């Protein structure tokens, strides 16, 4: 093989090694650990680890907390993904089309939530949601509405946590949509204008179809992120109240690092990995071809 034929493999090898070390290898280790009863004593002495086969997976199926966490995760995905994708796309279209003061102000601030630390975000939103002294309840009190238990009511806490994640998750997606909007050929927009198409018709019939790949990419990455939803429920409610905001990732964290049930948590992580893989493959299968004019 000639030297120039090896060049692509040499350039790709560092990334492939990192992928194998931090992506494939941990999955393999988790698969092995999931077949054992490994706990914290097994870390000190390997003789304390016993092969249990598929017992951890069978225990997951009989665990009501696992099913509750799975249901909560499905709720967060169904609520959060459409909200993040829709809000990001609408904001990007606004920023791209408008040159008003509001648009210029948004251009300066829309990425701030994405780069702000989750601890700072939890403090700010924790004060906003505070039942006694929070801003939201103070605003409601001005119109005679009784205080709302934003993070204490099991049903309302789901939406409160999801709202923070939606607010935090739009910044990066807006950048992706803005970059895709820059690639829309100006000739198409000028032709639509000459044909008498208004702003809304041009956006609906030309711009959005040409953003097909960007919308698909944002959707698939957002679905994966929400299936691994962890930061907001962990720092705001710690999965409460009554497990109402316990996502799959929070459930696995508690089982693995608080109860030290590494084998059981590894089995749950493999189930979550399988769910993400299946959902991703289905999305790739149903994706429509890009629009070309």
Protein backbone atom coordinates (compact mmCIF):
# COMPACT_ATOMS: atom_id res chain seq x y z
CA UNK A 1 0.00 0.00 0.00
CA UNK A 2 1.37 3.41 -0.95
CA UNK A 3 2.12 6.05 1.68
CA UNK A 4 -0.59 8.43 0.47
CA UNK A 5 -3.16 5.62 0.84
CA UNK A 6 -2.34 5.40 4.57
CA UNK A 7 -2.74 9.12 5.14
CA UNK A 8 -6.55 9.09 5.77
CA UNK A 9 -6.18 6.31 8.35
CA UNK A 10 -3.37 8.17 10.12
CA UNK A 11 -5.48 11.33 10.35
CA UNK A 12 -8.53 9.40 11.58
CA UNK A 13 -6.67 7.15 14.02
CA UNK A 14 -6.49 9.65 16.98
CA UNK A 15 -10.24 10.21 16.87
CA UNK A 16 -10.90 6.48 16.50
CA UNK A 17 -8.64 5.68 19.46
CA UNK A 18 -10.46 8.21 21.63
CA UNK A 19 -13.80 6.79 20.49
CA UNK A 20 -12.70 3.28 21.37
CA UNK A 21 -11.24 4.33 24.74
CA UNK A 22 -14.09 6.55 25.94
CA UNK A 23 -17.04 5.23 23.93
CA UNK A 24 -16.82 1.56 23.00
CA UNK A 25 -14.69 0.30 25.90
CA UNK A 26 -16.98 1.69 28.68
CA UNK A 27 -19.97 0.07 26.98
CA UNK A 28 -18.15 -3.25 26.91
CA UNK A 29 -17.15 -2.92 30.57
CA UNK A 30 -20.74 -2.04 31.53
CA UNK A 31 -21.99 -5.09 29.62
CA UNK A 32 -19.65 -7.36 31.58
CA UNK A 33 -20.42 -5.73 34.95
CA UNK A 34 -24.17 -5.97 34.29
CA UNK A 35 -23.83 -9.78 34.42
CA UNK A 36 -22.45 -9.66 37.96
CA UNK A 37 -23.61 -8.58 41.43
CA UNK A 38 -20.70 -6.15 41.73
CA UNK A 39 -21.01 -3.57 44.49
CA UNK A 40 -18.50 -1.42 46.39
CA UNK A 41 -16.97 -4.50 48.09
CA UNK A 42 -16.16 -5.90 44.66
CA UNK A 43 -13.92 -2.92 43.93
CA UNK A 44 -11.71 -3.83 46.87
CA UNK A 45 -11.73 -7.60 46.40
CA UNK A 46 -12.57 -9.24 43.08
CA UNK A 47 -13.57 -12.46 44.90
CA UNK A 48 -16.67 -10.63 46.16
CA UNK A 49 -17.99 -10.40 42.61
CA UNK A 50 -20.30 -13.21 41.50
CA UNK A 51 -21.59 -13.96 38.03
CA UNK A 52 -25.42 -13.68 38.08
CA UNK A 53 -26.22 -13.90 34.38
CA UNK A 54 -29.33 -11.94 33.43
CA UNK A 55 -30.59 -11.59 37.01
CA UNK A 56 -30.03 -7.82 37.02
CA UNK A 57 -32.10 -7.41 33.87
CA UNK A 58 -34.89 -9.53 35.37
CA UNK A 59 -34.77 -7.41 38.53
CA UNK A 60 -35.12 -4.26 36.42
CA UNK A 61 -38.33 -5.58 34.88
CA UNK A 62 -39.78 -6.12 38.37
CA UNK A 63 -38.61 -2.75 39.73
CA UNK A 64 -41.43 -0.15 39.82
CA UNK A 65 -38.87 2.64 40.25
CA UNK A 66 -37.25 1.65 36.96
CA UNK A 67 -40.57 1.81 35.11
CA UNK A 68 -41.40 5.11 36.75
CA UNK A 69 -38.05 6.57 35.68
CA UNK A 70 -38.59 5.23 32.17
CA UNK A 71 -42.03 6.83 32.04
CA UNK A 72 -40.67 10.14 33.33
CA UNK A 73 -37.96 10.07 30.65
CA UNK A 74 -40.57 9.44 27.95
CA UNK A 75 -42.57 12.40 29.29
CA UNK A 76 -39.52 14.68 29.20
CA UNK A 77 -38.70 13.61 25.63
CA UNK A 78 -42.26 14.18 24.40
CA UNK A 79 -42.46 17.60 26.05
CA UNK A 80 -38.89 18.81 25.72
CA UNK A 81 -37.84 17.82 22.20
CA UNK A 82 -40.68 19.56 20.28
CA UNK A 83 -40.30 22.61 22.53
CA UNK A 84 -36.52 22.89 22.04
CA UNK A 85 -36.59 22.27 18.27
CA UNK A 86 -39.59 24.55 17.65
CA UNK A 87 -38.33 27.38 19.84
CA UNK A 88 -34.81 27.17 18.39
CA UNK A 89 -36.09 27.23 14.81
CA UNK A 90 -38.50 30.11 15.47
CA UNK A 91 -35.79 32.14 17.19
CA UNK A 92 -33.29 31.48 14.40
CA UNK A 93 -35.82 32.55 11.75
CA UNK A 94 -36.53 35.71 13.74
CA UNK A 95 -32.86 36.54 14.13
CA UNK A 96 -32.17 35.84 10.46
CA UNK A 97 -35.07 37.85 9.09
CA UNK A 98 -35.30 40.75 11.48
CA UNK A 99 -32.85 43.56 12.11
CA UNK A 100 -34.83 45.28 14.82
CA UNK A 101 -33.72 46.09 18.35
CA UNK A 102 -35.23 42.91 19.76
CA UNK A 103 -33.40 40.75 17.23
CA UNK A 104 -30.12 42.52 17.89
CA UNK A 105 -30.59 42.05 21.64
CA UNK A 106 -31.39 38.36 21.17
CA UNK A 107 -28.24 37.88 19.08
CA UNK A 108 -26.25 39.00 22.10
CA UNK A 109 -27.98 36.82 24.68
CA UNK A 110 -29.38 33.69 23.08
CA UNK A 111 -26.24 31.62 23.67
CA UNK A 112 -25.81 32.68 27.32
CA UNK A 113 -27.90 29.80 28.79
CA UNK A 114 -25.83 27.22 26.88
CA UNK A 115 -22.53 28.42 28.35
CA UNK A 116 -23.75 29.11 31.88
CA UNK A 117 -22.84 26.52 34.51
CA UNK A 118 -25.63 24.24 35.67
CA UNK A 119 -24.92 25.14 39.33
CA UNK A 120 -25.49 28.86 38.64
CA UNK A 121 -28.60 28.01 36.65
CA UNK A 122 -29.98 25.88 39.46
CA UNK A 123 -29.43 28.68 41.98
CA UNK A 124 -31.14 31.29 39.82
CA UNK A 125 -34.10 29.11 38.87
CA UNK A 126 -34.34 27.77 42.40
CA UNK A 127 -34.92 31.33 43.63
CA UNK A 128 -37.36 32.02 40.80
CA UNK A 129 -39.35 28.88 41.75
CA UNK A 130 -39.16 29.56 45.51
CA UNK A 131 -42.66 29.21 46.93
CA UNK A 132 -42.34 32.03 49.49
CA UNK A 133 -39.88 34.49 47.97
CA UNK A 134 -39.70 33.52 44.28
CA UNK A 135 -40.33 35.95 41.45
CA UNK A 136 -42.96 33.78 39.76
CA UNK A 137 -45.18 33.54 42.83
CA UNK A 138 -44.70 37.27 43.52
CA UNK A 139 -45.95 38.06 40.00
CA UNK A 140 -48.93 35.75 40.51
CA UNK A 141 -49.69 37.41 43.84
CA UNK A 142 -49.97 40.77 42.06
CA UNK A 143 -52.99 39.44 40.16
CA UNK A 144 -54.49 37.64 43.17
CA UNK A 145 -53.34 34.10 42.35
CA UNK A 146 -52.36 31.84 45.26
CA UNK A 147 -48.72 30.64 45.51
CA UNK A 148 -47.82 27.71 43.25
CA UNK A 149 -45.72 24.75 44.41
CA UNK A 150 -43.41 24.85 41.39
CA UNK A 151 -40.99 22.16 42.58
CA UNK A 152 -43.08 20.47 45.30
CA UNK A 153 -46.11 19.40 43.32
CA UNK A 154 -45.31 16.10 41.52
CA UNK A 155 -47.07 17.04 38.29
CA UNK A 156 -46.00 20.66 38.15
CA UNK A 157 -42.40 19.80 39.03
CA UNK A 158 -42.07 17.87 35.76
CA UNK A 159 -42.96 20.96 33.72
CA UNK A 160 -40.84 23.25 35.92
CA UNK A 161 -37.74 21.10 35.41
CA UNK A 162 -38.45 20.70 31.70
CA UNK A 163 -38.83 24.48 31.30
CA UNK A 164 -35.32 25.07 32.64
CA UNK A 165 -33.90 22.44 30.28
CA UNK A 166 -35.73 23.94 27.30
CA UNK A 167 -34.41 27.41 28.16
CA UNK A 168 -30.88 26.01 28.51
CA UNK A 169 -30.98 23.80 25.43
CA UNK A 170 -31.89 26.28 22.71
CA UNK A 171 -28.61 28.21 22.33
CA UNK A 172 -26.54 25.64 20.45
CA UNK A 173 -29.46 24.65 18.22
CA UNK A 174 -30.06 28.28 17.28
CA UNK A 175 -26.47 28.49 16.06
CA UNK A 176 -26.97 25.39 13.91
CA UNK A 177 -30.16 26.79 12.38
CA UNK A 178 -28.56 30.20 11.77
CA UNK A 179 -25.67 28.53 9.96
CA UNK A 180 -28.13 26.52 7.84
CA UNK A 181 -30.10 29.68 7.04
CA UNK A 182 -26.95 31.33 5.74
CA UNK A 183 -26.68 28.50 3.20
CA UNK A 184 -30.14 29.03 1.70
CA UNK A 185 -29.50 30.36 -1.84
CA UNK A 186 -30.58 33.97 -2.16
CA UNK A 187 -31.71 33.30 -5.73
CA UNK A 188 -34.57 31.14 -4.46
CA UNK A 189 -35.76 33.87 -2.13
CA UNK A 190 -35.56 36.48 -4.89
CA UNK A 191 -37.46 34.22 -7.29
CA UNK A 192 -40.18 33.66 -4.68
CA UNK A 193 -40.43 37.40 -4.11
CA UNK A 194 -40.80 38.03 -7.86
CA UNK A 195 -43.58 35.44 -7.95
CA UNK A 196 -45.43 37.38 -5.28
CA UNK A 197 -44.80 35.05 -2.33
CA UNK A 198 -44.97 36.73 1.06
CA UNK A 199 -42.63 36.20 4.00
CA UNK A 200 -44.68 33.41 5.55
CA UNK A 201 -45.17 31.56 2.25
CA UNK A 202 -41.47 31.86 1.41
CA UNK A 203 -40.50 30.57 4.84
CA UNK A 204 -42.98 27.67 4.76
CA UNK A 205 -42.44 26.55 1.14
CA UNK A 206 -38.75 27.30 0.53
CA UNK A 207 -36.73 28.03 3.65
CA UNK A 208 -38.01 25.31 6.00
CA UNK A 209 -37.79 22.49 3.37
CA UNK A 210 -34.21 23.54 2.64
CA UNK A 211 -33.47 23.30 6.36
CA UNK A 212 -34.45 19.63 6.32
CA UNK A 213 -31.06 18.23 7.22
CA UNK A 214 -30.47 20.84 9.94
CA UNK A 215 -33.88 20.10 11.48
CA UNK A 216 -33.16 16.38 11.31
CA UNK A 217 -29.73 16.78 12.91
CA UNK A 218 -31.05 19.01 15.70
CA UNK A 219 -33.96 16.64 16.33
CA UNK A 220 -31.85 13.51 16.56
CA UNK A 221 -29.25 15.09 18.85
CA UNK A 222 -31.95 16.66 21.02
CA UNK A 223 -33.76 13.33 21.39
CA UNK A 224 -30.52 11.66 22.48
CA UNK A 225 -29.82 14.48 24.96
CA UNK A 226 -33.30 14.27 26.52
CA UNK A 227 -33.14 10.48 26.77
CA UNK A 228 -30.05 11.11 28.93
CA UNK A 229 -31.77 13.95 30.83
CA UNK A 230 -29.85 14.44 34.09
CA UNK A 231 -28.57 17.90 35.08
CA UNK A 232 -31.77 19.83 35.71
CA UNK A 233 -33.72 17.20 37.71
CA UNK A 234 -30.58 16.33 39.67
CA UNK A 235 -29.73 19.87 40.80
CA UNK A 236 -33.27 21.26 41.14
CA UNK A 237 -35.24 18.40 42.70
CA UNK A 238 -32.85 15.45 43.09
CA UNK A 239 -35.47 13.40 41.28
CA UNK A 240 -38.31 14.36 43.64
CA UNK A 241 -40.92 14.95 44.76
CA UNK A 242 -41.91 11.29 45.14
CA UNK A 243 -39.75 10.37 42.16
CA UNK A 244 -41.80 12.55 39.83
CA UNK A 245 -38.72 14.01 38.11
CA UNK A 246 -36.46 10.96 38.34
CA UNK A 247 -35.24 10.37 34.80
CA UNK A 248 -33.43 7.22 33.71
CA UNK A 249 -30.03 8.87 34.17
CA UNK A 250 -30.89 10.07 37.69
CA UNK A 251 -32.20 6.59 38.53
CA UNK A 252 -28.98 4.97 37.29
CA UNK A 253 -26.85 7.50 39.19
CA UNK A 254 -28.65 6.77 42.46
CA UNK A 255 -28.44 3.01 41.99
CA UNK A 256 -24.77 3.11 41.01
CA UNK A 257 -23.22 5.84 43.16
CA UNK A 258 -25.53 6.10 46.17
CA UNK A 259 -26.59 2.50 46.63
CA UNK A 260 -23.34 1.13 45.12
CA UNK A 261 -25.22 -1.45 43.04
CA UNK A 262 -22.82 -1.29 40.11
CA UNK A 263 -24.03 -4.46 38.42
CA UNK A 264 -27.67 -3.38 38.65
CA UNK A 265 -26.90 0.16 37.44
CA UNK A 266 -24.83 -1.22 34.55
CA UNK A 267 -27.76 -3.37 33.45
CA UNK A 268 -29.97 -0.25 33.48
CA UNK A 269 -27.38 1.71 31.50
CA UNK A 270 -27.30 -1.03 28.84
CA UNK A 271 -31.10 -0.86 28.59
CA UNK A 272 -30.93 2.92 28.18
CA UNK A 273 -28.19 2.51 25.55
CA UNK A 274 -30.37 0.03 23.64
CA UNK A 275 -33.34 2.42 23.76
CA UNK A 276 -31.22 5.31 22.43
CA UNK A 277 -29.80 3.10 19.67
CA UNK A 278 -33.25 1.88 18.58
CA UNK A 279 -34.74 5.38 18.60
CA UNK A 280 -31.79 6.72 16.61
CA UNK A 281 -31.98 3.94 14.02
CA UNK A 282 -35.73 4.50 13.61
CA UNK A 283 -35.16 8.23 13.07
CA UNK A 284 -32.49 7.49 10.45
CA UNK A 285 -34.81 5.04 8.69
CA UNK A 286 -37.79 7.39 8.50
CA UNK A 287 -35.76 10.41 7.43
CA UNK A 288 -36.88 11.83 4.12
CA UNK A 289 -34.46 12.82 1.37
CA UNK A 290 -33.27 16.42 1.29
CA UNK A 291 -35.27 18.85 -0.83
CA UNK A 292 -33.59 20.10 -3.99
CA UNK A 293 -34.97 22.77 -6.27
